[in-house]
Amino acid sequence: MKDFVIFRFKSKNRKTMGKVNAMLRRVYHLYADGFRQMTLGRVLWSVIIVKLIIIFGVLKLFFFPDFLSQHAEKGQEHEFVGQELIQRAP
């Protein structure tokens, strides 16, 4: 089971762990204070969020129709996808 662990931070030195935690805490406070004191940035972030909603919400409806529900029966989607992959394979 230990072979399947992708990332594990092991440190035998507790001072190193303390320094890492302190650095992460400082980085978090830097960003938190920066966002808290923003004035113009809030307007810019709101514009960015509105644009993302438009891009991913509205444009998806027009340019990305639900092809699978139009061509496959309910509950048989996996068979339709499998057949399409087999037919389109070189």
PDB file of N, CA and C in Angstrom:
ATOM      1  N   MET A   1       0.823  -1.194   0.000  1.00  0.00           N
ATOM      2  CA  MET A   1       0.000   0.000   0.000  1.00  0.00           C
ATOM      3  C   MET A   1       0.867   1.257   0.000  1.00  0.00           C
ATOM      4  N   LYS A   2       2.054   1.185   0.576  1.00  0.00           N
ATOM      5  CA  LYS A   2       2.930   2.348   0.632  1.00  0.00           C
ATOM      6  C   LYS A   2       3.462   2.721  -0.751  1.00  0.00           C
ATOM      7  N   ASP A   3       3.446   1.782  -1.695  1.00  0.00           N
ATOM      8  CA  ASP A   3       3.946   2.049  -3.037  1.00  0.00           C
ATOM      9  C   ASP A   3       3.036   2.994  -3.809  1.00  0.00           C
ATOM     10  N   PHE A   4       1.776   3.090  -3.443  1.00  0.00           N
ATOM     11  CA  PHE A   4       0.808   3.879  -4.180  1.00  0.00           C
ATOM     12  C   PHE A   4       0.699   5.318  -3.709  1.00  0.00           C
ATOM     13  N   VAL A   5       1.446   5.696  -2.698  1.00  0.00           N
ATOM     14  CA  VAL A   5       1.415   7.060  -2.202  1.00  0.00           C
ATOM     15  C   VAL A   5       2.157   7.944  -3.195  1.00  0.00           C
ATOM     16  N   ILE A   6       1.488   8.946  -3.714  1.00  0.00           N
ATOM     17  CA  ILE A   6       2.080   9.810  -4.724  1.00  0.00           C
ATOM     18  C   ILE A   6       3.012  10.834  -4.082  1.00  0.00           C
ATOM     19  N   PHE A   7       2.574  11.468  -3.033  1.00  0.00           N
ATOM     20  CA  PHE A   7       3.377  12.518  -2.411  1.00  0.00           C
ATOM     21  C   PHE A   7       3.223  12.426  -0.910  1.00  0.00           C
ATOM     22  N   ARG A   8       4.335  12.347  -0.236  1.00  0.00           N
ATOM     23  CA  ARG A   8       4.302  12.352   1.222  1.00  0.00           C
ATOM     24  C   ARG A   8       5.492  13.165   1.695  1.00  0.00           C
ATOM     25  N   PHE A   9       5.209  14.199   2.475  1.00  0.00           N
ATOM     26  CA  PHE A   9       6.268  15.056   2.983  1.00  0.00           C
ATOM     27  C   PHE A   9       6.745  14.486   4.301  1.00  0.00           C
ATOM     28  N   LYS A  10       7.958  13.946   4.303  1.00  0.00           N
ATOM     29  CA  LYS A  10       8.527  13.408   5.533  1.00  0.00           C
ATOM     30  C   LYS A  10       9.682  14.289   5.964  1.00  0.00           C
ATOM     31  N   SER A  11       9.651  14.695   7.183  1.00  0.00           N
ATOM     32  CA  SER A  11      10.751  15.470   7.723  1.00  0.00           C
ATOM     33  C   SER A  11      11.057  14.959   9.124  1.00  0.00           C
ATOM     34  N   LYS A  12      12.293  14.598   9.324  1.00  0.00           N
ATOM     35  CA  LYS A  12      12.673  14.120  10.641  1.00  0.00           C
ATOM     36  C   LYS A  12      13.019  15.278  11.555  1.00  0.00           C
ATOM     37  N   ASN A  13      13.148  16.469  10.974  1.00  0.00           N
ATOM     38  CA  ASN A  13      13.528  17.635  11.737  1.00  0.00           C
ATOM     39  C   ASN A  13      12.284  18.494  11.964  1.00  0.00           C
ATOM     40  N   ARG A  14      11.867  18.661  13.191  1.00  0.00           N
ATOM     41  CA  ARG A  14      10.659  19.435  13.492  1.00  0.00           C
ATOM     42  C   ARG A  14      10.848  20.926  13.200  1.00  0.00           C
ATOM     43  N   LYS A  15      12.084  21.404  13.213  1.00  0.00           N
ATOM     44  CA  LYS A  15      12.326  22.810  12.892  1.00  0.00           C
ATOM     45  C   LYS A  15      11.984  23.091  11.443  1.00  0.00           C
ATOM     46  N   THR A  16      12.276  22.150  10.566  1.00  0.00           N
ATOM     47  CA  THR A  16      11.950  22.320   9.154  1.00  0.00           C
ATOM     48  C   THR A  16      10.442  22.415   8.971  1.00  0.00           C
ATOM     49  N   MET A  17       9.690  21.546   9.636  1.00  0.00           N
ATOM     50  CA  MET A  17       8.226  21.588   9.544  1.00  0.00           C
ATOM     51  C   MET A  17       7.690  22.901  10.084  1.00  0.00           C
ATOM     52  N   GLY A  18       8.274  23.397  11.161  1.00  0.00           N
ATOM     53  CA  GLY A  18       7.846  24.674  11.727  1.00  0.00           C
ATOM     54  C   GLY A  18       8.102  25.826  10.772  1.00  0.00           C
ATOM     55  N   LYS A  19       9.232  25.784  10.075  1.00  0.00           N
ATOM     56  CA  LYS A  19       9.548  26.835   9.103  1.00  0.00           C
ATOM     57  C   LYS A  19       8.602  26.793   7.915  1.00  0.00           C
ATOM     58  N   VAL A  20       8.267  25.585   7.466  1.00  0.00           N
ATOM     59  CA  VAL A  20       7.336  25.452   6.344  1.00  0.00           C
ATOM     60  C   VAL A  20       5.960  25.976   6.739  1.00  0.00           C
ATOM     61  N   ASN A  21       5.495  25.605   7.920  1.00  0.00           N
ATOM     62  CA  ASN A  21       4.194  26.090   8.385  1.00  0.00           C
ATOM     63  C   ASN A  21       4.188  27.600   8.547  1.00  0.00           C
ATOM     64  N   ALA A  22       5.272  28.162   9.073  1.00  0.00           N
ATOM     65  CA  ALA A  22       5.349  29.614   9.248  1.00  0.00           C
ATOM     66  C   ALA A  22       5.358  30.316   7.891  1.00  0.00           C
ATOM     67  N   MET A  23       6.058  29.759   6.922  1.00  0.00           N
ATOM     68  CA  MET A  23       6.090  30.357   5.592  1.00  0.00           C
ATOM     69  C   MET A  23       4.698  30.310   4.942  1.00  0.00           C
ATOM     70  N   LEU A  24       4.021  29.170   5.042  1.00  0.00           N
ATOM     71  CA  LEU A  24       2.665  29.074   4.486  1.00  0.00           C
ATOM     72  C   LEU A  24       1.712  30.048   5.172  1.00  0.00           C
ATOM     73  N   ARG A  25       1.866  30.212   6.467  1.00  0.00           N
ATOM     74  CA  ARG A  25       1.021  31.145   7.208  1.00  0.00           C
ATOM     75  C   ARG A  25       1.266  32.587   6.741  1.00  0.00           C
ATOM     76  N   ARG A  26       2.547  32.939   6.515  1.00  0.00           N
ATOM     77  CA  ARG A  26       2.867  34.290   6.032  1.00  0.00           C
ATOM     78  C   ARG A  26       2.329  34.537   4.630  1.00  0.00           C
ATOM     79  N   VAL A  27       2.430  33.538   3.766  1.00  0.00           N
ATOM     80  CA  VAL A  27       1.902  33.679   2.406  1.00  0.00           C
ATOM     81  C   VAL A  27       0.387  33.851   2.446  1.00  0.00           C
ATOM     82  N   TYR A  28      -0.297  33.062   3.275  1.00  0.00           N
ATOM     83  CA  TYR A  28      -1.750  33.192   3.401  1.00  0.00           C
ATOM     84  C   TYR A  28      -2.128  34.586   3.888  1.00  0.00           C
ATOM     85  N   HIS A  29      -1.468  35.077   4.908  1.00  0.00           N
ATOM     86  CA  HIS A  29      -1.782  36.406   5.441  1.00  0.00           C
ATOM     87  C   HIS A  29      -1.483  37.508   4.425  1.00  0.00           C
ATOM     88  N   LEU A  30      -0.433  37.336   3.630  1.00  0.00           N
ATOM     89  CA  LEU A  30      -0.119  38.309   2.594  1.00  0.00           C
ATOM     90  C   LEU A  30      -1.283  38.443   1.615  1.00  0.00           C
ATOM     91  N   TYR A  31      -1.773  37.315   1.108  1.00  0.00           N
ATOM     92  CA  TYR A  31      -2.882  37.356   0.151  1.00  0.00           C
ATOM     93  C   TYR A  31      -4.183  37.794   0.812  1.00  0.00           C
ATOM     94  N   ALA A  32      -4.451  37.328   2.026  1.00  0.00           N
ATOM     95  CA  ALA A  32      -5.689  37.709   2.715  1.00  0.00           C
ATOM     96  C   ALA A  32      -5.724  39.212   2.969  1.00  0.00           C
ATOM     97  N   ASP A  33      -4.631  39.783   3.432  1.00  0.00           N
ATOM     98  CA  ASP A  33      -4.583  41.230   3.662  1.00  0.00           C
ATOM     99  C   ASP A  33      -4.687  41.999   2.354  1.00  0.00           C
ATOM    100  N   GLY A  34      -4.065  41.476   1.304  1.00  0.00           N
ATOM    101  CA  GLY A  34      -4.136  42.149   0.008  1.00  0.00           C
ATOM    102  C   GLY A  34      -5.544  42.200  -0.528  1.00  0.00           C
ATOM    103  N   PHE A  35      -6.282  41.082  -0.442  1.00  0.00           N
ATOM    104  CA  PHE A  35      -7.660  41.073  -0.930  1.00  0.00           C
ATOM    105  C   PHE A  35      -8.577  41.897  -0.038  1.00  0.00           C
ATOM    106  N   ARG A  36      -8.274  41.944   1.239  1.00  0.00           N
ATOM    107  CA  ARG A  36      -9.113  42.710   2.168  1.00  0.00           C
ATOM    108  C   ARG A  36      -8.978  44.217   1.921  1.00  0.00           C
ATOM    109  N   GLN A  37      -7.802  44.683   1.525  1.00  0.00           N
ATOM    110  CA  GLN A  37      -7.562  46.113   1.358  1.00  0.00           C
ATOM    111  C   GLN A  37      -7.761  46.591  -0.082  1.00  0.00           C
ATOM    112  N   MET A  38      -8.240  45.726  -0.959  1.00  0.00           N
ATOM    113  CA  MET A  38      -8.446  46.101  -2.356  1.00  0.00           C
ATOM    114  C   MET A  38      -9.581  47.099  -2.497  1.00  0.00           C
ATOM    115  N   THR A  39      -9.447  48.036  -3.413  1.00  0.00           N
ATOM    116  CA  THR A  39     -10.563  48.925  -3.742  1.00  0.00           C
ATOM    117  C   THR A  39     -10.907  48.770  -5.224  1.00  0.00           C
ATOM    118  N   LEU A  40     -10.000  49.105  -6.102  1.00  0.00           N
ATOM    119  CA  LEU A  40     -10.237  48.959  -7.532  1.00  0.00           C
ATOM    120  C   LEU A  40     -10.249  47.491  -7.927  1.00  0.00           C
ATOM    121  N   GLY A  41      -9.492  46.685  -7.245  1.00  0.00           N
ATOM    122  CA  GLY A  41      -9.401  45.272  -7.566  1.00  0.00           C
ATOM    123  C   GLY A  41     -10.717  44.545  -7.430  1.00  0.00           C
ATOM    124  N   ARG A  42     -11.566  44.971  -6.501  1.00  0.00           N
ATOM    125  CA  ARG A  42     -12.869  44.321  -6.336  1.00  0.00           C
ATOM    126  C   ARG A  42     -13.731  44.496  -7.573  1.00  0.00           C
ATOM    127  N   VAL A  43     -13.686  45.671  -8.151  1.00  0.00           N
ATOM    128  CA  VAL A  43     -14.446  45.914  -9.380  1.00  0.00           C
ATOM    129  C   VAL A  43     -13.886  45.049 -10.505  1.00  0.00           C
ATOM    130  N   LEU A  44     -12.581  44.969 -10.602  1.00  0.00           N
ATOM    131  CA  LEU A  44     -11.971  44.163 -11.650  1.00  0.00           C
ATOM    132  C   LEU A  44     -12.279  42.679 -11.471  1.00  0.00           C
ATOM    133  N   TRP A  45     -12.236  42.200 -10.233  1.00  0.00           N
ATOM    134  CA  TRP A  45     -12.582  40.800  -9.989  1.00  0.00           C
ATOM    135  C   TRP A  45     -14.039  40.530 -10.315  1.00  0.00           C
ATOM    136  N   SER A  46     -14.919  41.472 -10.022  1.00  0.00           N
ATOM    137  CA  SER A  46     -16.335  41.261 -10.352  1.00  0.00           C
ATOM    138  C   SER A  46     -16.530  41.209 -11.865  1.00  0.00           C
ATOM    139  N   VAL A  47     -15.802  42.035 -12.615  1.00  0.00           N
ATOM    140  CA  VAL A  47     -15.883  41.984 -14.080  1.00  0.00           C
ATOM    141  C   VAL A  47     -15.374  40.636 -14.583  1.00  0.00           C
ATOM    142  N   ILE A  48     -14.293  40.146 -14.017  1.00  0.00           N
ATOM    143  CA  ILE A  48     -13.750  38.840 -14.422  1.00  0.00           C
ATOM    144  C   ILE A  48     -14.754  37.735 -14.144  1.00  0.00           C
ATOM    145  N   ILE A  49     -15.394  37.760 -12.991  1.00  0.00           N
ATOM    146  CA  ILE A  49     -16.368  36.720 -12.642  1.00  0.00           C
ATOM    147  C   ILE A  49     -17.569  36.765 -13.571  1.00  0.00           C
ATOM    148  N   VAL A  50     -18.058  37.963 -13.890  1.00  0.00           N
ATOM    149  CA  VAL A  50     -19.190  38.076 -14.820  1.00  0.00           C
ATOM    150  C   VAL A  50     -18.803  37.537 -16.193  1.00  0.00           C
ATOM    151  N   LYS A  51     -17.603  37.847 -16.660  1.00  0.00           N
ATOM    152  CA  LYS A  51     -17.152  37.347 -17.958  1.00  0.00           C
ATOM    153  C   LYS A  51     -17.049  35.833 -17.958  1.00  0.00           C
ATOM    154  N   LEU A  52     -16.560  35.234 -16.882  1.00  0.00           N
ATOM    155  CA  LEU A  52     -16.468  33.782 -16.810  1.00  0.00           C
ATOM    156  C   LEU A  52     -17.841  33.133 -16.808  1.00  0.00           C
ATOM    157  N   ILE A  53     -18.794  33.742 -16.121  1.00  0.00           N
ATOM    158  CA  ILE A  53     -20.158  33.215 -16.122  1.00  0.00           C
ATOM    159  C   ILE A  53     -20.735  33.258 -17.532  1.00  0.00           C
ATOM    160  N   ILE A  54     -20.490  34.344 -18.233  1.00  0.00           N
ATOM    161  CA  ILE A  54     -20.982  34.455 -19.602  1.00  0.00           C
ATOM    162  C   ILE A  54     -20.307  33.416 -20.496  1.00  0.00           C
ATOM    163  N   ILE A  55     -19.002  33.288 -20.389  1.00  0.00           N
ATOM    164  CA  ILE A  55     -18.272  32.361 -21.246  1.00  0.00           C
ATOM    165  C   ILE A  55     -18.709  30.919 -20.996  1.00  0.00           C
ATOM    166  N   PHE A  56     -18.691  30.488 -19.750  1.00  0.00           N
ATOM    167  CA  PHE A  56     -18.958  29.084 -19.458  1.00  0.00           C
ATOM    168  C   PHE A  56     -20.444  28.771 -19.325  1.00  0.00           C
ATOM    169  N   GLY A  57     -21.260  29.727 -19.023  1.00  0.00           N
ATOM    170  CA  GLY A  57     -22.679  29.465 -18.866  1.00  0.00           C
ATOM    171  C   GLY A  57     -23.481  29.670 -20.123  1.00  0.00           C
ATOM    172  N   VAL A  58     -23.391  30.837 -20.692  1.00  0.00           N
ATOM    173  CA  VAL A  58     -24.242  31.187 -21.820  1.00  0.00           C
ATOM    174  C   VAL A  58     -23.713  30.594 -23.124  1.00  0.00           C
ATOM    175  N   LEU A  59     -22.441  30.759 -23.409  1.00  0.00           N
ATOM    176  CA  LEU A  59     -21.895  30.275 -24.669  1.00  0.00           C
ATOM    177  C   LEU A  59     -21.923  28.757 -24.772  1.00  0.00           C
ATOM    178  N   LYS A  60     -21.859  28.063 -23.634  1.00  0.00           N
ATOM    179  CA  LYS A  60     -21.935  26.613 -23.647  1.00  0.00           C
ATOM    180  C   LYS A  60     -23.272  26.151 -24.196  1.00  0.00           C
ATOM    181  N   LEU A  61     -24.318  26.868 -23.896  1.00  0.00           N
ATOM    182  CA  LEU A  61     -25.647  26.491 -24.380  1.00  0.00           C
ATOM    183  C   LEU A  61     -25.736  26.563 -25.896  1.00  0.00           C
ATOM    184  N   PHE A  62     -25.073  27.533 -26.511  1.00  0.00           N
ATOM    185  CA  PHE A  62     -25.189  27.730 -27.944  1.00  0.00           C
ATOM    186  C   PHE A  62     -24.193  26.914 -28.760  1.00  0.00           C
ATOM    187  N   PHE A  63     -22.990  26.738 -28.278  1.00  0.00           N
ATOM    188  CA  PHE A  63     -21.944  26.115 -29.075  1.00  0.00           C
ATOM    189  C   PHE A  63     -21.625  24.669 -28.712  1.00  0.00           C
ATOM    190  N   PHE A  64     -22.112  24.179 -27.587  1.00  0.00           N
ATOM    191  CA  PHE A  64     -21.822  22.815 -27.164  1.00  0.00           C
ATOM    192  C   PHE A  64     -23.111  22.091 -26.804  1.00  0.00           C
ATOM    193  N   PRO A  65     -23.839  21.612 -27.811  1.00  0.00           N
ATOM    194  CA  PRO A  65     -25.090  20.900 -27.513  1.00  0.00           C
ATOM    195  C   PRO A  65     -24.795  19.542 -26.866  1.00  0.00           C
ATOM    196  N   ASP A  66     -25.777  18.990 -26.198  1.00  0.00           N
ATOM    197  CA  ASP A  66     -25.627  17.701 -25.530  1.00  0.00           C
ATOM    198  C   ASP A  66     -25.814  16.590 -26.552  1.00  0.00           C
ATOM    199  N   PHE A  67     -24.737  16.224 -27.208  1.00  0.00           N
ATOM    200  CA  PHE A  67     -24.743  15.245 -28.293  1.00  0.00           C
ATOM    201  C   PHE A  67     -25.157  13.873 -27.797  1.00  0.00           C
ATOM    202  N   LEU A  68     -24.712  13.491 -26.616  1.00  0.00           N
ATOM    203  CA  LEU A  68     -24.952  12.149 -26.103  1.00  0.00           C
ATOM    204  C   LEU A  68     -26.433  11.913 -25.822  1.00  0.00           C
ATOM    205  N   SER A  69     -27.114  12.874 -25.254  1.00  0.00           N
ATOM    206  CA  SER A  69     -28.534  12.685 -24.948  1.00  0.00           C
ATOM    207  C   SER A  69     -29.390  12.674 -26.214  1.00  0.00           C
ATOM    208  N   GLN A  70     -28.899  13.274 -27.299  1.00  0.00           N
ATOM    209  CA  GLN A  70     -29.650  13.290 -28.547  1.00  0.00           C
ATOM    210  C   GLN A  70     -29.509  11.988 -29.323  1.00  0.00           C
ATOM    211  N   HIS A  71     -28.380  11.291 -29.175  1.00  0.00           N
ATOM    212  CA  HIS A  71     -28.105  10.123 -30.008  1.00  0.00           C
ATOM    213  C   HIS A  71     -28.109   8.798 -29.258  1.00  0.00           C
ATOM    214  N   ALA A  72     -28.145   8.806 -27.948  1.00  0.00           N
ATOM    215  CA  ALA A  72     -28.132   7.562 -27.176  1.00  0.00           C
ATOM    216  C   ALA A  72     -29.394   7.474 -26.330  1.00  0.00           C
ATOM    217  N   GLU A  73     -29.828   6.241 -26.125  1.00  0.00           N
ATOM    218  CA  GLU A  73     -30.996   6.022 -25.282  1.00  0.00           C
ATOM    219  C   GLU A  73     -30.622   6.180 -23.817  1.00  0.00           C
ATOM    220  N   LYS A  74     -31.613   6.446 -23.014  1.00  0.00           N
ATOM    221  CA  LYS A  74     -31.388   6.628 -21.578  1.00  0.00           C
ATOM    222  C   LYS A  74     -30.884   5.321 -20.974  1.00  0.00           C
ATOM    223  N   GLY A  75     -29.752   5.364 -20.304  1.00  0.00           N
ATOM    224  CA  GLY A  75     -29.162   4.194 -19.667  1.00  0.00           C
ATOM    225  C   GLY A  75     -28.228   3.414 -20.573  1.00  0.00           C
ATOM    226  N   GLN A  76     -28.164   3.746 -21.850  1.00  0.00           N
ATOM    227  CA  GLN A  76     -27.309   3.034 -22.803  1.00  0.00           C
ATOM    228  C   GLN A  76     -26.190   3.923 -23.338  1.00  0.00           C
ATOM    229  N   GLU A  77     -25.875   4.973 -22.619  1.00  0.00           N
ATOM    230  CA  GLU A  77     -24.861   5.915 -23.078  1.00  0.00           C
ATOM    231  C   GLU A  77     -23.492   5.257 -23.204  1.00  0.00           C
ATOM    232  N   HIS A  78     -23.162   4.378 -22.284  1.00  0.00           N
ATOM    233  CA  HIS A  78     -21.847   3.746 -22.316  1.00  0.00           C
ATOM    234  C   HIS A  78     -21.671   2.874 -23.557  1.00  0.00           C
ATOM    235  N   GLU A  79     -22.737   2.197 -23.987  1.00  0.00           N
ATOM    236  CA  GLU A  79     -22.648   1.388 -25.205  1.00  0.00           C
ATOM    237  C   GLU A  79     -22.473   2.271 -26.440  1.00  0.00           C
ATOM    238  N   PHE A  80     -23.169   3.395 -26.473  1.00  0.00           N
ATOM    239  CA  PHE A  80     -23.046   4.310 -27.611  1.00  0.00           C
ATOM    240  C   PHE A  80     -21.624   4.850 -27.707  1.00  0.00           C
ATOM    241  N   VAL A  81     -21.065   5.246 -26.581  1.00  0.00           N
ATOM    242  CA  VAL A  81     -19.697   5.779 -26.573  1.00  0.00           C
ATOM    243  C   VAL A  81     -18.711   4.703 -27.007  1.00  0.00           C
ATOM    244  N   GLY A  82     -18.886   3.484 -26.519  1.00  0.00           N
ATOM    245  CA  GLY A  82     -18.005   2.390 -26.912  1.00  0.00           C
ATOM    246  C   GLY A  82     -18.062   2.113 -28.400  1.00  0.00           C
ATOM    247  N   GLN A  83     -19.267   2.080 -28.964  1.00  0.00           N
ATOM    248  CA  GLN A  83     -19.414   1.840 -30.399  1.00  0.00           C
ATOM    249  C   GLN A  83     -18.801   2.964 -31.221  1.00  0.00           C
ATOM    250  N   GLU A  84     -18.972   4.189 -30.792  1.00  0.00           N
ATOM    251  CA  GLU A  84     -18.394   5.319 -31.510  1.00  0.00           C
ATOM    252  C   GLU A  84     -16.865   5.269 -31.482  1.00  0.00           C
ATOM    253  N   LEU A  85     -16.295   4.892 -30.349  1.00  0.00           N
ATOM    254  CA  LEU A  85     -14.839   4.792 -30.255  1.00  0.00           C
ATOM    255  C   LEU A  85     -14.309   3.672 -31.155  1.00  0.00           C
ATOM    256  N   ILE A  86     -15.027   2.566 -31.210  1.00  0.00           N
ATOM    257  CA  ILE A  86     -14.587   1.463 -32.059  1.00  0.00           C
ATOM    258  C   ILE A  86     -14.686   1.857 -33.543  1.00  0.00           C
ATOM    259  N   GLN A  87     -15.761   2.522 -33.932  1.00  0.00           N
ATOM    260  CA  GLN A  87     -15.952   2.901 -35.321  1.00  0.00           C
ATOM    261  C   GLN A  87     -14.949   3.968 -35.761  1.00  0.00           C
ATOM    262  N   ARG A  88     -14.584   4.847 -34.891  1.00  0.00           N
ATOM    263  CA  ARG A  88     -13.691   5.946 -35.262  1.00  0.00           C
ATOM    264  C   ARG A  88     -12.210   5.587 -35.104  1.00  0.00           C
ATOM    265  N   ALA A  89     -11.921   4.420 -34.586  1.00  0.00           N
ATOM    266  CA  ALA A  89     -10.521   4.024 -34.399  1.00  0.00           C
ATOM    267  C   ALA A  89      -9.873   3.783 -35.760  1.00  0.00           C
ATOM    268  N   PRO A  90      -8.626   4.181 -35.916  1.00  0.00           N
ATOM    269  CA  PRO A  90      -7.958   3.984 -37.220  1.00  0.00           C
ATOM    270  C   PRO A  90      -7.637   2.535 -37.501  1.00  0.00           C
TER     271      PRO A  90
END
